[in-house]
Amino acid sequence: MKEFFQNHKWAVMLSILALIIVLLIYLIGWWTLLAGILVVIAIFFGRMIDRGGLEAVKDFFRNLFRGKRA
């Protein structure tokens, strides 16, 4: 079991995350879940701005969308 998890940890974790999201949508409703997600995103970026200013947000997106360019 440990070897399976080590070889497929992201698949297992994301499957569990998807299951949790589906259960939350079923239990509390889509709009409530969406509002919660937006609040979490706002807190994430707010803390990022507090720590490093707008440059930290720019770096975040720069790193997120950085691709291999020919």
PDB file of N, CA and C in Angstrom:
ATOM      1  N   MET A   1       0.824  -1.193   0.000  1.00  0.00           N
ATOM      2  CA  MET A   1       0.000   0.000   0.000  1.00  0.00           C
ATOM      3  C   MET A   1       0.873   1.264   0.000  1.00  0.00           C
ATOM      4  N   LYS A   2       1.943   1.246   0.809  1.00  0.00           N
ATOM      5  CA  LYS A   2       2.830   2.400   0.875  1.00  0.00           C
ATOM      6  C   LYS A   2       3.497   2.653  -0.474  1.00  0.00           C
ATOM      7  N   GLU A   3       3.907   1.591  -1.139  1.00  0.00           N
ATOM      8  CA  GLU A   3       4.543   1.723  -2.448  1.00  0.00           C
ATOM      9  C   GLU A   3       3.563   2.286  -3.473  1.00  0.00           C
ATOM     10  N   PHE A   4       2.309   1.819  -3.412  1.00  0.00           N
ATOM     11  CA  PHE A   4       1.288   2.331  -4.331  1.00  0.00           C
ATOM     12  C   PHE A   4       1.112   3.830  -4.127  1.00  0.00           C
ATOM     13  N   PHE A   5       1.009   4.258  -2.868  1.00  0.00           N
ATOM     14  CA  PHE A   5       0.827   5.676  -2.586  1.00  0.00           C
ATOM     15  C   PHE A   5       2.028   6.489  -3.050  1.00  0.00           C
ATOM     16  N   GLN A   6       3.234   5.985  -2.852  1.00  0.00           N
ATOM     17  CA  GLN A   6       4.425   6.710  -3.289  1.00  0.00           C
ATOM     18  C   GLN A   6       4.455   6.859  -4.808  1.00  0.00           C
ATOM     19  N   ASN A   7       4.002   5.843  -5.519  1.00  0.00           N
ATOM     20  CA  ASN A   7       4.022   5.892  -6.982  1.00  0.00           C
ATOM     21  C   ASN A   7       2.877   6.714  -7.557  1.00  0.00           C
ATOM     22  N   HIS A   8       1.797   6.870  -6.795  1.00  0.00           N
ATOM     23  CA  HIS A   8       0.602   7.541  -7.320  1.00  0.00           C
ATOM     24  C   HIS A   8       0.064   8.576  -6.344  1.00  0.00           C
ATOM     25  N   LYS A   9       0.954   9.261  -5.610  1.00  0.00           N
ATOM     26  CA  LYS A   9       0.486  10.143  -4.543  1.00  0.00           C
ATOM     27  C   LYS A   9      -0.382  11.289  -5.056  1.00  0.00           C
ATOM     28  N   TRP A  10      -0.026  11.882  -6.185  1.00  0.00           N
ATOM     29  CA  TRP A  10      -0.824  13.002  -6.691  1.00  0.00           C
ATOM     30  C   TRP A  10      -2.186  12.534  -7.178  1.00  0.00           C
ATOM     31  N   ALA A  11      -2.247  11.394  -7.820  1.00  0.00           N
ATOM     32  CA  ALA A  11      -3.535  10.870  -8.270  1.00  0.00           C
ATOM     33  C   ALA A  11      -4.447  10.580  -7.080  1.00  0.00           C
ATOM     34  N   VAL A  12      -3.875  10.011  -6.029  1.00  0.00           N
ATOM     35  CA  VAL A  12      -4.671   9.697  -4.835  1.00  0.00           C
ATOM     36  C   VAL A  12      -5.125  10.981  -4.146  1.00  0.00           C
ATOM     37  N   MET A  13      -4.213  11.915  -3.941  1.00  0.00           N
ATOM     38  CA  MET A  13      -4.568  13.151  -3.241  1.00  0.00           C
ATOM     39  C   MET A  13      -5.598  13.969  -4.017  1.00  0.00           C
ATOM     40  N   LEU A  14      -5.427  14.069  -5.328  1.00  0.00           N
ATOM     41  CA  LEU A  14      -6.379  14.854  -6.117  1.00  0.00           C
ATOM     42  C   LEU A  14      -7.729  14.153  -6.217  1.00  0.00           C
ATOM     43  N   SER A  15      -7.743  12.842  -6.208  1.00  0.00           N
ATOM     44  CA  SER A  15      -9.014  12.113  -6.192  1.00  0.00           C
ATOM     45  C   SER A  15      -9.760  12.358  -4.893  1.00  0.00           C
ATOM     46  N   ILE A  16      -9.022  12.352  -3.786  1.00  0.00           N
ATOM     47  CA  ILE A  16      -9.637  12.641  -2.485  1.00  0.00           C
ATOM     48  C   ILE A  16     -10.144  14.078  -2.446  1.00  0.00           C
ATOM     49  N   LEU A  17      -9.364  15.012  -2.980  1.00  0.00           N
ATOM     50  CA  LEU A  17      -9.785  16.409  -3.041  1.00  0.00           C
ATOM     51  C   LEU A  17     -11.058  16.553  -3.869  1.00  0.00           C
ATOM     52  N   ALA A  18     -11.120  15.884  -5.010  1.00  0.00           N
ATOM     53  CA  ALA A  18     -12.319  15.936  -5.858  1.00  0.00           C
ATOM     54  C   ALA A  18     -13.527  15.374  -5.114  1.00  0.00           C
ATOM     55  N   LEU A  19     -13.339  14.294  -4.390  1.00  0.00           N
ATOM     56  CA  LEU A  19     -14.428  13.712  -3.618  1.00  0.00           C
ATOM     57  C   LEU A  19     -14.922  14.683  -2.549  1.00  0.00           C
ATOM     58  N   ILE A  20     -14.008  15.344  -1.879  1.00  0.00           N
ATOM     59  CA  ILE A  20     -14.383  16.323  -0.857  1.00  0.00           C
ATOM     60  C   ILE A  20     -15.157  17.478  -1.475  1.00  0.00           C
ATOM     61  N   ILE A  21     -14.711  17.956  -2.638  1.00  0.00           N
ATOM     62  CA  ILE A  21     -15.400  19.059  -3.313  1.00  0.00           C
ATOM     63  C   ILE A  21     -16.805  18.645  -3.723  1.00  0.00           C
ATOM     64  N   VAL A  22     -16.944  17.444  -4.264  1.00  0.00           N
ATOM     65  CA  VAL A  22     -18.277  16.958  -4.658  1.00  0.00           C
ATOM     66  C   VAL A  22     -19.187  16.864  -3.442  1.00  0.00           C
ATOM     67  N   LEU A  23     -18.664  16.348  -2.341  1.00  0.00           N
ATOM     68  CA  LEU A  23     -19.469  16.253  -1.126  1.00  0.00           C
ATOM     69  C   LEU A  23     -19.870  17.635  -0.606  1.00  0.00           C
ATOM     70  N   LEU A  24     -18.940  18.587  -0.662  1.00  0.00           N
ATOM     71  CA  LEU A  24     -19.272  19.943  -0.224  1.00  0.00           C
ATOM     72  C   LEU A  24     -20.340  20.573  -1.109  1.00  0.00           C
ATOM     73  N   ILE A  25     -20.238  20.382  -2.414  1.00  0.00           N
ATOM     74  CA  ILE A  25     -21.254  20.915  -3.325  1.00  0.00           C
ATOM     75  C   ILE A  25     -22.612  20.302  -3.000  1.00  0.00           C
ATOM     76  N   TYR A  26     -22.624  19.009  -2.749  1.00  0.00           N
ATOM     77  CA  TYR A  26     -23.867  18.322  -2.430  1.00  0.00           C
ATOM     78  C   TYR A  26     -24.442  18.798  -1.091  1.00  0.00           C
ATOM     79  N   LEU A  27     -23.583  18.961  -0.089  1.00  0.00           N
ATOM     80  CA  LEU A  27     -24.053  19.279   1.255  1.00  0.00           C
ATOM     81  C   LEU A  27     -24.387  20.751   1.460  1.00  0.00           C
ATOM     82  N   ILE A  28     -23.558  21.652   0.947  1.00  0.00           N
ATOM     83  CA  ILE A  28     -23.791  23.071   1.247  1.00  0.00           C
ATOM     84  C   ILE A  28     -24.206  23.899   0.032  1.00  0.00           C
ATOM     85  N   GLY A  29     -24.188  23.326  -1.127  1.00  0.00           N
ATOM     86  CA  GLY A  29     -24.644  24.065  -2.307  1.00  0.00           C
ATOM     87  C   GLY A  29     -23.501  24.725  -3.059  1.00  0.00           C
ATOM     88  N   TRP A  30     -23.712  24.890  -4.332  1.00  0.00           N
ATOM     89  CA  TRP A  30     -22.690  25.415  -5.236  1.00  0.00           C
ATOM     90  C   TRP A  30     -22.296  26.842  -4.893  1.00  0.00           C
ATOM     91  N   TRP A  31     -23.277  27.725  -4.672  1.00  0.00           N
ATOM     92  CA  TRP A  31     -22.967  29.140  -4.478  1.00  0.00           C
ATOM     93  C   TRP A  31     -22.237  29.388  -3.159  1.00  0.00           C
ATOM     94  N   THR A  32     -22.589  28.635  -2.140  1.00  0.00           N
ATOM     95  CA  THR A  32     -21.894  28.765  -0.864  1.00  0.00           C
ATOM     96  C   THR A  32     -20.441  28.317  -1.004  1.00  0.00           C
ATOM     97  N   LEU A  33     -20.240  27.217  -1.703  1.00  0.00           N
ATOM     98  CA  LEU A  33     -18.879  26.723  -1.917  1.00  0.00           C
ATOM     99  C   LEU A  33     -18.071  27.714  -2.754  1.00  0.00           C
ATOM    100  N   LEU A  34     -18.675  28.263  -3.795  1.00  0.00           N
ATOM    101  CA  LEU A  34     -17.984  29.244  -4.630  1.00  0.00           C
ATOM    102  C   LEU A  34     -17.599  30.471  -3.813  1.00  0.00           C
ATOM    103  N   ALA A  35     -18.498  30.944  -2.961  1.00  0.00           N
ATOM    104  CA  ALA A  35     -18.189  32.101  -2.107  1.00  0.00           C
ATOM    105  C   ALA A  35     -17.018  31.772  -1.182  1.00  0.00           C
ATOM    106  N   GLY A  36     -16.995  30.586  -0.615  1.00  0.00           N
ATOM    107  CA  GLY A  36     -15.898  30.182   0.256  1.00  0.00           C
ATOM    108  C   GLY A  36     -14.575  30.125  -0.480  1.00  0.00           C
ATOM    109  N   ILE A  37     -14.598  29.589  -1.691  1.00  0.00           N
ATOM    110  CA  ILE A  37     -13.369  29.508  -2.499  1.00  0.00           C
ATOM    111  C   ILE A  37     -12.847  30.905  -2.817  1.00  0.00           C
ATOM    112  N   LEU A  38     -13.746  31.816  -3.168  1.00  0.00           N
ATOM    113  CA  LEU A  38     -13.326  33.187  -3.474  1.00  0.00           C
ATOM    114  C   LEU A  38     -12.734  33.875  -2.246  1.00  0.00           C
ATOM    115  N   VAL A  39     -13.284  33.611  -1.069  1.00  0.00           N
ATOM    116  CA  VAL A  39     -12.740  34.187   0.159  1.00  0.00           C
ATOM    117  C   VAL A  39     -11.336  33.642   0.414  1.00  0.00           C
ATOM    118  N   VAL A  40     -11.142  32.352   0.221  1.00  0.00           N
ATOM    119  CA  VAL A  40      -9.821  31.750   0.426  1.00  0.00           C
ATOM    120  C   VAL A  40      -8.807  32.326  -0.554  1.00  0.00           C
ATOM    121  N   ILE A  41      -9.204  32.488  -1.807  1.00  0.00           N
ATOM    122  CA  ILE A  41      -8.311  33.087  -2.809  1.00  0.00           C
ATOM    123  C   ILE A  41      -7.961  34.519  -2.434  1.00  0.00           C
ATOM    124  N   ALA A  42      -8.954  35.282  -1.966  1.00  0.00           N
ATOM    125  CA  ALA A  42      -8.707  36.667  -1.563  1.00  0.00           C
ATOM    126  C   ALA A  42      -7.737  36.728  -0.383  1.00  0.00           C
ATOM    127  N   ILE A  43      -7.902  35.830   0.579  1.00  0.00           N
ATOM    128  CA  ILE A  43      -6.991  35.794   1.729  1.00  0.00           C
ATOM    129  C   ILE A  43      -5.583  35.442   1.263  1.00  0.00           C
ATOM    130  N   PHE A  44      -5.468  34.460   0.360  1.00  0.00           N
ATOM    131  CA  PHE A  44      -4.167  34.048  -0.158  1.00  0.00           C
ATOM    132  C   PHE A  44      -3.433  35.222  -0.800  1.00  0.00           C
ATOM    133  N   PHE A  45      -4.112  35.943  -1.694  1.00  0.00           N
ATOM    134  CA  PHE A  45      -3.457  37.061  -2.368  1.00  0.00           C
ATOM    135  C   PHE A  45      -3.246  38.240  -1.422  1.00  0.00           C
ATOM    136  N   GLY A  46      -4.152  38.438  -0.473  1.00  0.00           N
ATOM    137  CA  GLY A  46      -3.965  39.507   0.510  1.00  0.00           C
ATOM    138  C   GLY A  46      -2.725  39.285   1.355  1.00  0.00           C
ATOM    139  N   ARG A  47      -2.526  38.048   1.804  1.00  0.00           N
ATOM    140  CA  ARG A  47      -1.322  37.735   2.591  1.00  0.00           C
ATOM    141  C   ARG A  47      -0.070  37.878   1.737  1.00  0.00           C
ATOM    142  N   MET A  48      -0.184  37.496   0.457  1.00  0.00           N
ATOM    143  CA  MET A  48       0.965  37.614  -0.437  1.00  0.00           C
ATOM    144  C   MET A  48       1.346  39.089  -0.617  1.00  0.00           C
ATOM    145  N   ILE A  49       0.358  39.949  -0.761  1.00  0.00           N
ATOM    146  CA  ILE A  49       0.617  41.383  -0.923  1.00  0.00           C
ATOM    147  C   ILE A  49       1.191  41.961   0.369  1.00  0.00           C
ATOM    148  N   ASP A  50       0.656  41.522   1.524  1.00  0.00           N
ATOM    149  CA  ASP A  50       1.184  41.993   2.804  1.00  0.00           C
ATOM    150  C   ASP A  50       2.659  41.657   2.963  1.00  0.00           C
ATOM    151  N   ARG A  51       3.064  40.490   2.520  1.00  0.00           N
ATOM    152  CA  ARG A  51       4.445  40.044   2.712  1.00  0.00           C
ATOM    153  C   ARG A  51       5.405  40.623   1.677  1.00  0.00           C
ATOM    154  N   GLY A  52       4.966  40.722   0.400  1.00  0.00           N
ATOM    155  CA  GLY A  52       5.919  41.119  -0.626  1.00  0.00           C
ATOM    156  C   GLY A  52       5.442  42.198  -1.567  1.00  0.00           C
ATOM    157  N   GLY A  53       4.307  42.794  -1.297  1.00  0.00           N
ATOM    158  CA  GLY A  53       3.779  43.836  -2.162  1.00  0.00           C
ATOM    159  C   GLY A  53       3.259  43.269  -3.473  1.00  0.00           C
ATOM    160  N   LEU A  54       2.894  44.155  -4.362  1.00  0.00           N
ATOM    161  CA  LEU A  54       2.362  43.726  -5.655  1.00  0.00           C
ATOM    162  C   LEU A  54       3.390  42.956  -6.477  1.00  0.00           C
ATOM    163  N   GLU A  55       4.653  43.201  -6.201  1.00  0.00           N
ATOM    164  CA  GLU A  55       5.709  42.480  -6.925  1.00  0.00           C
ATOM    165  C   GLU A  55       5.633  40.984  -6.638  1.00  0.00           C
ATOM    166  N   ALA A  56       5.223  40.606  -5.431  1.00  0.00           N
ATOM    167  CA  ALA A  56       5.081  39.187  -5.087  1.00  0.00           C
ATOM    168  C   ALA A  56       3.973  38.538  -5.914  1.00  0.00           C
ATOM    169  N   VAL A  57       2.876  39.271  -6.139  1.00  0.00           N
ATOM    170  CA  VAL A  57       1.785  38.746  -6.957  1.00  0.00           C
ATOM    171  C   VAL A  57       2.241  38.606  -8.406  1.00  0.00           C
ATOM    172  N   LYS A  58       2.962  39.608  -8.903  1.00  0.00           N
ATOM    173  CA  LYS A  58       3.488  39.527 -10.265  1.00  0.00           C
ATOM    174  C   LYS A  58       4.422  38.337 -10.411  1.00  0.00           C
ATOM    175  N   ASP A  59       5.279  38.120  -9.424  1.00  0.00           N
ATOM    176  CA  ASP A  59       6.187  36.973  -9.460  1.00  0.00           C
ATOM    177  C   ASP A  59       5.416  35.654  -9.433  1.00  0.00           C
ATOM    178  N   PHE A  60       4.351  35.608  -8.633  1.00  0.00           N
ATOM    179  CA  PHE A  60       3.536  34.402  -8.562  1.00  0.00           C
ATOM    180  C   PHE A  60       2.990  34.033  -9.934  1.00  0.00           C
ATOM    181  N   PHE A  61       2.378  35.001 -10.622  1.00  0.00           N
ATOM    182  CA  PHE A  61       1.807  34.720 -11.942  1.00  0.00           C
ATOM    183  C   PHE A  61       2.890  34.498 -12.992  1.00  0.00           C
ATOM    184  N   ARG A  62       3.995  35.202 -12.857  1.00  0.00           N
ATOM    185  CA  ARG A  62       5.102  34.994 -13.783  1.00  0.00           C
ATOM    186  C   ARG A  62       5.615  33.557 -13.670  1.00  0.00           C
ATOM    187  N   ASN A  63       5.769  33.068 -12.447  1.00  0.00           N
ATOM    188  CA  ASN A  63       6.221  31.694 -12.239  1.00  0.00           C
ATOM    189  C   ASN A  63       5.156  30.683 -12.628  1.00  0.00           C
ATOM    190  N   LEU A  64       3.897  31.012 -12.404  1.00  0.00           N
ATOM    191  CA  LEU A  64       2.807  30.106 -12.723  1.00  0.00           C
ATOM    192  C   LEU A  64       2.689  29.879 -14.225  1.00  0.00           C
ATOM    193  N   PHE A  65       2.827  30.941 -14.989  1.00  0.00           N
ATOM    194  CA  PHE A  65       2.652  30.833 -16.440  1.00  0.00           C
ATOM    195  C   PHE A  65       3.954  30.784 -17.215  1.00  0.00           C
ATOM    196  N   ARG A  66       5.057  30.624 -16.501  1.00  0.00           N
ATOM    197  CA  ARG A  66       6.341  30.542 -17.175  1.00  0.00           C
ATOM    198  C   ARG A  66       6.390  29.223 -17.936  1.00  0.00           C
ATOM    199  N   GLY A  67       6.697  29.312 -19.182  1.00  0.00           N
ATOM    200  CA  GLY A  67       6.811  28.110 -19.990  1.00  0.00           C
ATOM    201  C   GLY A  67       8.154  28.054 -20.680  1.00  0.00           C
ATOM    202  N   LYS A  68       8.403  26.941 -21.269  1.00  0.00           N
ATOM    203  CA  LYS A  68       9.646  26.805 -22.026  1.00  0.00           C
ATOM    204  C   LYS A  68       9.435  27.462 -23.376  1.00  0.00           C
ATOM    205  N   ARG A  69      10.203  28.495 -23.612  1.00  0.00           N
ATOM    206  CA  ARG A  69      10.074  29.205 -24.874  1.00  0.00           C
ATOM    207  C   ARG A  69      11.240  28.826 -25.770  1.00  0.00           C
ATOM    208  N   ALA A  70      10.929  28.672 -27.031  1.00  0.00           N
ATOM    209  CA  ALA A  70      11.955  28.270 -27.984  1.00  0.00           C
ATOM    210  C   ALA A  70      12.818  29.445 -28.383  1.00  0.00           C
TER     211      ALA A  70
END
